[in-house]
Amino acid sequence: GGLSVWRALRAALPGAHLSYLADNAWAPYGERPAEALRGRV
C-alpha cells in the first residue's frame, strides 16, 4: 500500500534515496491486535 506514498515522495524528493520496507509477512495489518503490531513495527 505504501507504494502510493512512495510515488508521491519520488516526485517531491527526486534527489533522495528511497528505501522501502514491506512487512508483507504480517500483512494486512488492519485486523491484528494493536499491542502486537506496536512491538512488531
PDB file of all heavy atoms in Angstrom:
ATOM      1  N   GLY A   1       0.807  -1.221   0.000  1.00  0.00           N
ATOM      2  CA  GLY A   1       0.000   0.000   0.000  1.00  0.00           C
ATOM      3  C   GLY A   1       0.834   1.262   0.000  1.00  0.00           C
ATOM      4  O   GLY A   1       0.464   2.269  -0.595  1.00  0.00           O
ATOM      5  N   GLY A   2       1.991   1.218   0.671  1.00  0.00           N
ATOM      6  CA  GLY A   2       2.842   2.392   0.738  1.00  0.00           C
ATOM      7  C   GLY A   2       3.431   2.804  -0.595  1.00  0.00           C
ATOM      8  O   GLY A   2       4.051   3.867  -0.693  1.00  0.00           O
ATOM      9  N   LEU A   3       3.232   1.984  -1.634  1.00  0.00           N
ATOM     10  CA  LEU A   3       3.696   2.384  -2.957  1.00  0.00           C
ATOM     11  C   LEU A   3       2.982   3.644  -3.435  1.00  0.00           C
ATOM     12  O   LEU A   3       3.538   4.414  -4.223  1.00  0.00           O
ATOM     13  CB  LEU A   3       3.486   1.242  -3.964  1.00  0.00           C
ATOM     14  CG  LEU A   3       4.275  -0.046  -3.692  1.00  0.00           C
ATOM     15  CD1 LEU A   3       3.973  -1.080  -4.767  1.00  0.00           C
ATOM     16  CD2 LEU A   3       5.776   0.220  -3.603  1.00  0.00           C
ATOM     17  N   SER A   4       1.760   3.874  -2.965  1.00  0.00           N
ATOM     18  CA  SER A   4       1.065   5.115  -3.334  1.00  0.00           C
ATOM     19  C   SER A   4       1.779   6.319  -2.731  1.00  0.00           C
ATOM     20  O   SER A   4       1.846   7.396  -3.344  1.00  0.00           O
ATOM     21  CB  SER A   4      -0.402   5.072  -2.888  1.00  0.00           C
ATOM     22  OG  SER A   4      -0.519   5.008  -1.477  1.00  0.00           O
ATOM     23  N   VAL A   5       2.331   6.166  -1.531  1.00  0.00           N
ATOM     24  CA  VAL A   5       3.094   7.235  -0.888  1.00  0.00           C
ATOM     25  C   VAL A   5       4.490   7.332  -1.511  1.00  0.00           C
ATOM     26  O   VAL A   5       5.013   8.429  -1.725  1.00  0.00           O
ATOM     27  CB  VAL A   5       3.183   6.996   0.632  1.00  0.00           C
ATOM     28  CG1 VAL A   5       4.011   8.079   1.309  1.00  0.00           C
ATOM     29  CG2 VAL A   5       1.784   6.934   1.243  1.00  0.00           C
ATOM     30  N   TRP A   6       5.099   6.192  -1.807  1.00  0.00           N
ATOM     31  CA  TRP A   6       6.415   6.170  -2.468  1.00  0.00           C
ATOM     32  C   TRP A   6       6.370   6.990  -3.759  1.00  0.00           C
ATOM     33  O   TRP A   6       7.288   7.772  -4.040  1.00  0.00           O
ATOM     34  CB  TRP A   6       6.800   4.720  -2.774  1.00  0.00           C
ATOM     35  CG  TRP A   6       8.197   4.530  -3.304  1.00  0.00           C
ATOM     36  CD1 TRP A   6       9.297   4.152  -2.600  1.00  0.00           C
ATOM     37  CD2 TRP A   6       8.646   4.697  -4.666  1.00  0.00           C
ATOM     38  NE1 TRP A   6      10.403   4.079  -3.422  1.00  0.00           N
ATOM     39  CE2 TRP A   6      10.028   4.406  -4.695  1.00  0.00           C
ATOM     40  CE3 TRP A   6       8.015   5.068  -5.851  1.00  0.00           C
ATOM     41  CZ2 TRP A   6      10.791   4.471  -5.871  1.00  0.00           C
ATOM     42  CZ3 TRP A   6       8.766   5.143  -7.024  1.00  0.00           C
ATOM     43  CH2 TRP A   6      10.133   4.847  -7.026  1.00  0.00           C
ATOM     44  N   ARG A   7       5.301   6.834  -4.512  1.00  0.00           N
ATOM     45  CA  ARG A   7       5.146   7.543  -5.783  1.00  0.00           C
ATOM     46  C   ARG A   7       5.151   9.060  -5.552  1.00  0.00           C
ATOM     47  O   ARG A   7       5.813   9.807  -6.277  1.00  0.00           O
ATOM     48  CB  ARG A   7       3.846   7.090  -6.441  1.00  0.00           C
ATOM     49  CG  ARG A   7       3.569   7.605  -7.830  1.00  0.00           C
ATOM     50  CD  ARG A   7       2.427   6.812  -8.448  1.00  0.00           C
ATOM     51  NE  ARG A   7       1.265   6.731  -7.571  1.00  0.00           N
ATOM     52  CZ  ARG A   7       0.283   5.842  -7.708  1.00  0.00           C
ATOM     53  NH1 ARG A   7       0.313   4.956  -8.683  1.00  0.00           N
ATOM     54  NH2 ARG A   7      -0.735   5.839  -6.875  1.00  0.00           N
ATOM     55  N   ALA A   8       4.443   9.527  -4.537  1.00  0.00           N
ATOM     56  CA  ALA A   8       4.404  10.959  -4.228  1.00  0.00           C
ATOM     57  C   ALA A   8       5.753  11.447  -3.710  1.00  0.00           C
ATOM     58  O   ALA A   8       6.190  12.558  -4.033  1.00  0.00           O
ATOM     59  CB  ALA A   8       3.302  11.242  -3.206  1.00  0.00           C
ATOM     60  N   LEU A   9       6.435  10.636  -2.903  1.00  0.00           N
ATOM     61  CA  LEU A   9       7.745  11.010  -2.388  1.00  0.00           C
ATOM     62  C   LEU A   9       8.771  11.095  -3.509  1.00  0.00           C
ATOM     63  O   LEU A   9       9.633  11.984  -3.510  1.00  0.00           O
ATOM     64  CB  LEU A   9       8.205   9.997  -1.338  1.00  0.00           C
ATOM     65  CG  LEU A   9       7.478  10.038   0.003  1.00  0.00           C
ATOM     66  CD1 LEU A   9       7.788   8.788   0.808  1.00  0.00           C
ATOM     67  CD2 LEU A   9       7.845  11.285   0.793  1.00  0.00           C
ATOM     68  N   ARG A  10       8.707  10.167  -4.457  1.00  0.00           N
ATOM     69  CA  ARG A  10       9.652  10.187  -5.578  1.00  0.00           C
ATOM     70  C   ARG A  10       9.540  11.497  -6.360  1.00  0.00           C
ATOM     71  O   ARG A  10      10.544  12.073  -6.776  1.00  0.00           O
ATOM     72  CB  ARG A  10       9.372   9.002  -6.497  1.00  0.00           C
ATOM     73  CG  ARG A  10      10.207   8.928  -7.780  1.00  0.00           C
ATOM     74  CD  ARG A  10      11.625   8.402  -7.543  1.00  0.00           C
ATOM     75  NE  ARG A  10      12.458   9.318  -6.773  1.00  0.00           N
ATOM     76  CZ  ARG A  10      13.578   8.990  -6.149  1.00  0.00           C
ATOM     77  NH1 ARG A  10      14.002   7.738  -6.190  1.00  0.00           N
ATOM     78  NH2 ARG A  10      14.273   9.868  -5.488  1.00  0.00           N
ATOM     79  N   ALA A  11       8.298  11.971  -6.527  1.00  0.00           N
ATOM     80  CA  ALA A  11       8.092  13.223  -7.244  1.00  0.00           C
ATOM     81  C   ALA A  11       8.562  14.426  -6.423  1.00  0.00           C
ATOM     82  O   ALA A  11       9.121  15.379  -6.971  1.00  0.00           O
ATOM     83  CB  ALA A  11       6.615  13.380  -7.603  1.00  0.00           C
ATOM     84  N   ALA A  12       8.345  14.387  -5.108  1.00  0.00           N
ATOM     85  CA  ALA A  12       8.682  15.529  -4.259  1.00  0.00           C
ATOM     86  C   ALA A  12      10.158  15.590  -3.889  1.00  0.00           C
ATOM     87  O   ALA A  12      10.702  16.671  -3.654  1.00  0.00           O
ATOM     88  CB  ALA A  12       7.841  15.487  -2.981  1.00  0.00           C
ATOM     89  N   LEU A  13      10.819  14.422  -3.831  1.00  0.00           N
ATOM     90  CA  LEU A  13      12.209  14.338  -3.379  1.00  0.00           C
ATOM     91  C   LEU A  13      13.049  13.569  -4.400  1.00  0.00           C
ATOM     92  O   LEU A  13      13.583  12.498  -4.110  1.00  0.00           O
ATOM     93  CB  LEU A  13      12.291  13.638  -2.023  1.00  0.00           C
ATOM     94  CG  LEU A  13      11.511  14.263  -0.861  1.00  0.00           C
ATOM     95  CD1 LEU A  13      11.495  13.333   0.338  1.00  0.00           C
ATOM     96  CD2 LEU A  13      12.106  15.612  -0.486  1.00  0.00           C
ATOM     97  N   PRO A  14      13.185  14.101  -5.602  1.00  0.00           N
ATOM     98  CA  PRO A  14      13.882  13.347  -6.644  1.00  0.00           C
ATOM     99  C   PRO A  14      15.357  13.122  -6.352  1.00  0.00           C
ATOM    100  O   PRO A  14      15.964  12.214  -6.923  1.00  0.00           O
ATOM    101  CB  PRO A  14      13.689  14.209  -7.894  1.00  0.00           C
ATOM    102  CG  PRO A  14      13.434  15.581  -7.380  1.00  0.00           C
ATOM    103  CD  PRO A  14      12.681  15.400  -6.107  1.00  0.00           C
ATOM    104  N   GLY A  15      15.943  13.915  -5.452  1.00  0.00           N
ATOM    105  CA  GLY A  15      17.349  13.736  -5.125  1.00  0.00           C
ATOM    106  C   GLY A  15      17.609  12.779  -3.987  1.00  0.00           C
ATOM    107  O   GLY A  15      18.766  12.540  -3.627  1.00  0.00           O
ATOM    108  N   ALA A  16      16.545  12.213  -3.395  1.00  0.00           N
ATOM    109  CA  ALA A  16      16.701  11.332  -2.232  1.00  0.00           C
ATOM    110  C   ALA A  16      16.808   9.872  -2.646  1.00  0.00           C
ATOM    111  O   ALA A  16      16.269   9.453  -3.674  1.00  0.00           O
ATOM    112  CB  ALA A  16      15.530  11.511  -1.273  1.00  0.00           C
ATOM    113  N   HIS A  17      17.505   9.108  -1.815  1.00  0.00           N
ATOM    114  CA  HIS A  17      17.491   7.649  -1.953  1.00  0.00           C
ATOM    115  C   HIS A  17      16.310   7.120  -1.155  1.00  0.00           C
ATOM    116  O   HIS A  17      16.237   7.324   0.059  1.00  0.00           O
ATOM    117  CB  HIS A  17      18.789   7.038  -1.429  1.00  0.00           C
ATOM    118  CG  HIS A  17      18.724   5.552  -1.275  1.00  0.00           C
ATOM    119  ND1 HIS A  17      18.615   4.697  -2.350  1.00  0.00           N
ATOM    120  CD2 HIS A  17      18.722   4.763  -0.168  1.00  0.00           C
ATOM    121  CE1 HIS A  17      18.571   3.454  -1.922  1.00  0.00           C
ATOM    122  NE2 HIS A  17      18.619   3.471  -0.590  1.00  0.00           N
ATOM    123  N   LEU A  18      15.371   6.464  -1.821  1.00  0.00           N
ATOM    124  CA  LEU A  18      14.191   5.909  -1.158  1.00  0.00           C
ATOM    125  C   LEU A  18      14.410   4.424  -0.884  1.00  0.00           C
ATOM    126  O   LEU A  18      14.691   3.644  -1.808  1.00  0.00           O
ATOM    127  CB  LEU A  18      12.942   6.100  -2.024  1.00  0.00           C
ATOM    128  CG  LEU A  18      12.539   7.539  -2.351  1.00  0.00           C
ATOM    129  CD1 LEU A  18      11.232   7.552  -3.136  1.00  0.00           C
ATOM    130  CD2 LEU A  18      12.415   8.381  -1.097  1.00  0.00           C
ATOM    131  N   SER A  19      14.280   4.067   0.376  1.00  0.00           N
ATOM    132  CA  SER A  19      14.412   2.670   0.787  1.00  0.00           C
ATOM    133  C   SER A  19      13.064   2.209   1.328  1.00  0.00           C
ATOM    134  O   SER A  19      12.536   2.798   2.271  1.00  0.00           O
ATOM    135  CB  SER A  19      15.485   2.540   1.874  1.00  0.00           C
ATOM    136  OG  SER A  19      15.637   1.198   2.282  1.00  0.00           O
ATOM    137  N   TYR A  20      12.511   1.175   0.724  1.00  0.00           N
ATOM    138  CA  TYR A  20      11.145   0.722   1.054  1.00  0.00           C
ATOM    139  C   TYR A  20      11.225  -0.595   1.806  1.00  0.00           C
ATOM    140  O   TYR A  20      11.917  -1.528   1.383  1.00  0.00           O
ATOM    141  CB  TYR A  20      10.364   0.534  -0.240  1.00  0.00           C
ATOM    142  CG  TYR A  20       8.873   0.303  -0.074  1.00  0.00           C
ATOM    143  CD1 TYR A  20       7.979   1.363  -0.140  1.00  0.00           C
ATOM    144  CD2 TYR A  20       8.360  -0.971   0.132  1.00  0.00           C
ATOM    145  CE1 TYR A  20       6.617   1.163  -0.003  1.00  0.00           C
ATOM    146  CE2 TYR A  20       6.999  -1.187   0.275  1.00  0.00           C
ATOM    147  CZ  TYR A  20       6.129  -0.115   0.203  1.00  0.00           C
ATOM    148  OH  TYR A  20       4.776  -0.323   0.344  1.00  0.00           O
ATOM    149  N   LEU A  21      10.495  -0.683   2.914  1.00  0.00           N
ATOM    150  CA  LEU A  21      10.393  -1.936   3.668  1.00  0.00           C
ATOM    151  C   LEU A  21       8.932  -2.335   3.769  1.00  0.00           C
ATOM    152  O   LEU A  21       8.109  -1.602   4.331  1.00  0.00           O
ATOM    153  CB  LEU A  21      10.989  -1.770   5.080  1.00  0.00           C
ATOM    154  CG  LEU A  21      10.805  -2.969   6.027  1.00  0.00           C
ATOM    155  CD1 LEU A  21      11.384  -4.248   5.438  1.00  0.00           C
ATOM    156  CD2 LEU A  21      11.433  -2.677   7.392  1.00  0.00           C
ATOM    157  N   ALA A  22       8.618  -3.511   3.219  1.00  0.00           N
ATOM    158  CA  ALA A  22       7.258  -4.054   3.272  1.00  0.00           C
ATOM    159  C   ALA A  22       7.233  -5.218   4.261  1.00  0.00           C
ATOM    160  O   ALA A  22       7.970  -6.198   4.086  1.00  0.00           O
ATOM    161  CB  ALA A  22       6.839  -4.546   1.888  1.00  0.00           C
ATOM    162  N   ASP A  23       6.400  -5.100   5.275  1.00  0.00           N
ATOM    163  CA  ASP A  23       6.239  -6.208   6.229  1.00  0.00           C
ATOM    164  C   ASP A  23       5.139  -7.147   5.733  1.00  0.00           C
ATOM    165  O   ASP A  23       4.153  -7.393   6.424  1.00  0.00           O
ATOM    166  CB  ASP A  23       5.912  -5.668   7.625  1.00  0.00           C
ATOM    167  CG  ASP A  23       5.904  -6.776   8.678  1.00  0.00           C
ATOM    168  OD1 ASP A  23       6.495  -7.844   8.421  1.00  0.00           O
ATOM    169  OD2 ASP A  23       5.295  -6.564   9.745  1.00  0.00           O
ATOM    170  N   ASN A  24       5.325  -7.673   4.521  1.00  0.00           N
ATOM    171  CA  ASN A  24       4.251  -8.478   3.946  1.00  0.00           C
ATOM    172  C   ASN A  24       4.138  -9.858   4.576  1.00  0.00           C
ATOM    173  O   ASN A  24       3.170 -10.572   4.328  1.00  0.00           O
ATOM    174  CB  ASN A  24       4.385  -8.567   2.421  1.00  0.00           C
ATOM    175  CG  ASN A  24       5.735  -9.074   1.964  1.00  0.00           C
ATOM    176  OD1 ASN A  24       6.654  -9.198   2.767  1.00  0.00           O
ATOM    177  ND2 ASN A  24       5.869  -9.338   0.682  1.00  0.00           N
ATOM    178  N   ALA A  25       5.097 -10.233   5.420  1.00  0.00           N
ATOM    179  CA  ALA A  25       4.937 -11.476   6.174  1.00  0.00           C
ATOM    180  C   ALA A  25       3.792 -11.357   7.176  1.00  0.00           C
ATOM    181  O   ALA A  25       3.196 -12.366   7.573  1.00  0.00           O
ATOM    182  CB  ALA A  25       6.229 -11.827   6.895  1.00  0.00           C
ATOM    183  N   TRP A  26       3.491 -10.108   7.572  1.00  0.00           N
ATOM    184  CA  TRP A  26       2.409  -9.873   8.544  1.00  0.00           C
ATOM    185  C   TRP A  26       1.211  -9.176   7.917  1.00  0.00           C
ATOM    186  O   TRP A  26       0.230  -8.907   8.603  1.00  0.00           O
ATOM    187  CB  TRP A  26       2.950  -9.035   9.706  1.00  0.00           C
ATOM    188  CG  TRP A  26       3.315  -9.852  10.910  1.00  0.00           C
ATOM    189  CD1 TRP A  26       4.014 -11.013  10.922  1.00  0.00           C
ATOM    190  CD2 TRP A  26       3.007  -9.556  12.281  1.00  0.00           C
ATOM    191  NE1 TRP A  26       4.175 -11.460  12.205  1.00  0.00           N
ATOM    192  CE2 TRP A  26       3.561 -10.586  13.060  1.00  0.00           C
ATOM    193  CE3 TRP A  26       2.334  -8.517  12.906  1.00  0.00           C
ATOM    194  CZ2 TRP A  26       3.456 -10.618  14.449  1.00  0.00           C
ATOM    195  CZ3 TRP A  26       2.229  -8.537  14.294  1.00  0.00           C
ATOM    196  CH2 TRP A  26       2.776  -9.580  15.054  1.00  0.00           C
ATOM    197  N   ALA A  27       1.279  -8.840   6.654  1.00  0.00           N
ATOM    198  CA  ALA A  27       0.182  -8.107   6.010  1.00  0.00           C
ATOM    199  C   ALA A  27      -1.036  -9.016   5.831  1.00  0.00           C
ATOM    200  O   ALA A  27      -0.889 -10.223   5.625  1.00  0.00           O
ATOM    201  CB  ALA A  27       0.642  -7.583   4.658  1.00  0.00           C
ATOM    202  N   PRO A  28      -2.252  -8.408   5.888  1.00  0.00           N
ATOM    203  CA  PRO A  28      -2.503  -6.993   6.200  1.00  0.00           C
ATOM    204  C   PRO A  28      -2.530  -6.748   7.705  1.00  0.00           C
ATOM    205  O   PRO A  28      -2.847  -7.633   8.488  1.00  0.00           O
ATOM    206  CB  PRO A  28      -3.879  -6.751   5.573  1.00  0.00           C
ATOM    207  CG  PRO A  28      -4.560  -8.086   5.663  1.00  0.00           C
ATOM    208  CD  PRO A  28      -3.471  -9.121   5.480  1.00  0.00           C
ATOM    209  N   TYR A  29      -2.217  -5.518   8.090  1.00  0.00           N
ATOM    210  CA  TYR A  29      -2.173  -5.141   9.500  1.00  0.00           C
ATOM    211  C   TYR A  29      -3.558  -4.891  10.086  1.00  0.00           C
ATOM    212  O   TYR A  29      -3.733  -4.952  11.303  1.00  0.00           O
ATOM    213  CB  TYR A  29      -1.376  -3.834   9.651  1.00  0.00           C
ATOM    214  CG  TYR A  29       0.118  -3.979   9.781  1.00  0.00           C
ATOM    215  CD1 TYR A  29       0.770  -5.182   9.547  1.00  0.00           C
ATOM    216  CD2 TYR A  29       0.888  -2.876  10.141  1.00  0.00           C
ATOM    217  CE1 TYR A  29       2.137  -5.283   9.666  1.00  0.00           C
ATOM    218  CE2 TYR A  29       2.258  -2.964  10.263  1.00  0.00           C
ATOM    219  CZ  TYR A  29       2.891  -4.160  10.029  1.00  0.00           C
ATOM    220  OH  TYR A  29       4.250  -4.253  10.150  1.00  0.00           O
ATOM    221  N   GLY A  30      -4.525  -4.560   9.262  1.00  0.00           N
ATOM    222  CA  GLY A  30      -5.765  -3.956   9.719  1.00  0.00           C
ATOM    223  C   GLY A  30      -6.555  -4.686  10.776  1.00  0.00           C
ATOM    224  O   GLY A  30      -7.286  -4.062  11.541  1.00  0.00           O
ATOM    225  N   GLU A  31      -6.438  -6.001  10.853  1.00  0.00           N
ATOM    226  CA  GLU A  31      -7.243  -6.738  11.826  1.00  0.00           C
ATOM    227  C   GLU A  31      -6.395  -7.417  12.893  1.00  0.00           C
ATOM    228  O   GLU A  31      -6.855  -8.316  13.592  1.00  0.00           O
ATOM    229  CB  GLU A  31      -8.121  -7.754  11.078  1.00  0.00           C
ATOM    230  CG  GLU A  31      -9.132  -7.074  10.160  1.00  0.00           C
ATOM    231  CD  GLU A  31      -9.808  -8.024   9.181  1.00  0.00           C
ATOM    232  OE1 GLU A  31     -10.303  -9.077   9.630  1.00  0.00           O
ATOM    233  OE2 GLU A  31      -9.835  -7.713   7.980  1.00  0.00           O
ATOM    234  N   ARG A  32      -5.134  -6.988  13.041  1.00  0.00           N
ATOM    235  CA  ARG A  32      -4.251  -7.544  14.067  1.00  0.00           C
ATOM    236  C   ARG A  32      -4.318  -6.711  15.348  1.00  0.00           C
ATOM    237  O   ARG A  32      -4.612  -5.510  15.305  1.00  0.00           O
ATOM    238  CB  ARG A  32      -2.803  -7.587  13.561  1.00  0.00           C
ATOM    239  CG  ARG A  32      -2.568  -8.641  12.476  1.00  0.00           C
ATOM    240  CD  ARG A  32      -1.093  -8.747  12.158  1.00  0.00           C
ATOM    241  NE  ARG A  32      -0.811  -9.746  11.144  1.00  0.00           N
ATOM    242  CZ  ARG A  32      -0.583 -11.030  11.396  1.00  0.00           C
ATOM    243  NH1 ARG A  32      -0.618 -11.469  12.659  1.00  0.00           N
ATOM    244  NH2 ARG A  32      -0.326 -11.878  10.432  1.00  0.00           N
ATOM    245  N   PRO A  33      -4.016  -7.301  16.518  1.00  0.00           N
ATOM    246  CA  PRO A  33      -4.064  -6.553  17.785  1.00  0.00           C
ATOM    247  C   PRO A  33      -3.042  -5.427  17.809  1.00  0.00           C
ATOM    248  O   PRO A  33      -1.900  -5.587  17.365  1.00  0.00           O
ATOM    249  CB  PRO A  33      -3.735  -7.626  18.835  1.00  0.00           C
ATOM    250  CG  PRO A  33      -4.000  -8.933  18.177  1.00  0.00           C
ATOM    251  CD  PRO A  33      -3.729  -8.734  16.723  1.00  0.00           C
ATOM    252  N   ALA A  34      -3.438  -4.296  18.368  1.00  0.00           N
ATOM    253  CA  ALA A  34      -2.580  -3.109  18.374  1.00  0.00           C
ATOM    254  C   ALA A  34      -1.266  -3.349  19.104  1.00  0.00           C
ATOM    255  O   ALA A  34      -0.201  -2.915  18.646  1.00  0.00           O
ATOM    256  CB  ALA A  34      -3.331  -1.942  19.010  1.00  0.00           C
ATOM    257  N   GLU A  35      -1.292  -4.021  20.242  1.00  0.00           N
ATOM    258  CA  GLU A  35      -0.067  -4.218  21.019  1.00  0.00           C
ATOM    259  C   GLU A  35       0.942  -5.065  20.261  1.00  0.00           C
ATOM    260  O   GLU A  35       2.151  -4.779  20.251  1.00  0.00           O
ATOM    261  CB  GLU A  35      -0.393  -4.865  22.372  1.00  0.00           C
ATOM    262  CG  GLU A  35       0.709  -4.721  23.407  1.00  0.00           C
ATOM    263  CD  GLU A  35       1.022  -3.267  23.730  1.00  0.00           C
ATOM    264  OE1 GLU A  35       0.098  -2.449  23.837  1.00  0.00           O
ATOM    265  OE2 GLU A  35       2.228  -2.957  23.876  1.00  0.00           O
ATOM    266  N   ALA A  36       0.455  -6.114  19.593  1.00  0.00           N
ATOM    267  CA  ALA A  36       1.356  -6.959  18.808  1.00  0.00           C
ATOM    268  C   ALA A  36       1.954  -6.174  17.642  1.00  0.00           C
ATOM    269  O   ALA A  36       3.142  -6.296  17.324  1.00  0.00           O
ATOM    270  CB  ALA A  36       0.605  -8.183  18.291  1.00  0.00           C
ATOM    271  N   LEU A  37       1.130  -5.336  16.997  1.00  0.00           N
ATOM    272  CA  LEU A  37       1.629  -4.524  15.893  1.00  0.00           C
ATOM    273  C   LEU A  37       2.678  -3.524  16.364  1.00  0.00           C
ATOM    274  O   LEU A  37       3.693  -3.308  15.688  1.00  0.00           O
ATOM    275  CB  LEU A  37       0.471  -3.778  15.234  1.00  0.00           C
ATOM    276  CG  LEU A  37      -0.435  -4.597  14.313  1.00  0.00           C
ATOM    277  CD1 LEU A  37      -1.615  -3.746  13.865  1.00  0.00           C
ATOM    278  CD2 LEU A  37       0.333  -5.111  13.104  1.00  0.00           C
ATOM    279  N   ARG A  38       2.449  -2.933  17.507  1.00  0.00           N
ATOM    280  CA  ARG A  38       3.399  -1.943  18.025  1.00  0.00           C
ATOM    281  C   ARG A  38       4.772  -2.589  18.230  1.00  0.00           C
ATOM    282  O   ARG A  38       5.804  -2.039  17.828  1.00  0.00           O
ATOM    283  CB  ARG A  38       2.876  -1.340  19.328  1.00  0.00           C
ATOM    284  CG  ARG A  38       3.718  -0.182  19.846  1.00  0.00           C
ATOM    285  CD  ARG A  38       3.083   0.448  21.079  1.00  0.00           C
ATOM    286  NE  ARG A  38       1.741   0.929  20.791  1.00  0.00           N
ATOM    287  CZ  ARG A  38       0.614   0.392  21.260  1.00  0.00           C
ATOM    288  NH1 ARG A  38       0.680  -0.645  22.103  1.00  0.00           N
ATOM    289  NH2 ARG A  38      -0.561   0.878  20.939  1.00  0.00           N
ATOM    290  N   GLY A  39       4.774  -3.754  18.845  1.00  0.00           N
ATOM    291  CA  GLY A  39       6.033  -4.453  19.059  1.00  0.00           C
ATOM    292  C   GLY A  39       6.697  -4.857  17.758  1.00  0.00           C
ATOM    293  O   GLY A  39       7.927  -4.759  17.617  1.00  0.00           O
ATOM    294  N   ARG A  40       5.899  -5.284  16.809  1.00  0.00           N
ATOM    295  CA  ARG A  40       6.426  -5.703  15.518  1.00  0.00           C
ATOM    296  C   ARG A  40       7.073  -4.532  14.767  1.00  0.00           C
ATOM    297  O   ARG A  40       8.193  -4.639  14.266  1.00  0.00           O
ATOM    298  CB  ARG A  40       5.275  -6.285  14.687  1.00  0.00           C
ATOM    299  CG  ARG A  40       5.604  -6.621  13.242  1.00  0.00           C
ATOM    300  CD  ARG A  40       6.354  -7.906  13.120  1.00  0.00           C
ATOM    301  NE  ARG A  40       6.529  -8.295  11.729  1.00  0.00           N
ATOM    302  CZ  ARG A  40       7.129  -9.414  11.338  1.00  0.00           C
ATOM    303  NH1 ARG A  40       7.604 -10.251  12.239  1.00  0.00           N
ATOM    304  NH2 ARG A  40       7.265  -9.700  10.062  1.00  0.00           N
ATOM    305  N   VAL A  41       6.362  -3.420  14.679  1.00  0.00           N
ATOM    306  CA  VAL A  41       6.854  -2.271  13.922  1.00  0.00           C
ATOM    307  C   VAL A  41       8.112  -1.696  14.566  1.00  0.00           C
ATOM    308  O   VAL A  41       9.095  -1.384  13.874  1.00  0.00           O
ATOM    309  CB  VAL A  41       5.760  -1.194  13.786  1.00  0.00           C
ATOM    310  CG1 VAL A  41       6.321   0.074  13.152  1.00  0.00           C
ATOM    311  CG2 VAL A  41       4.594  -1.722  12.967  1.00  0.00           C
TER     312      VAL A  41
END
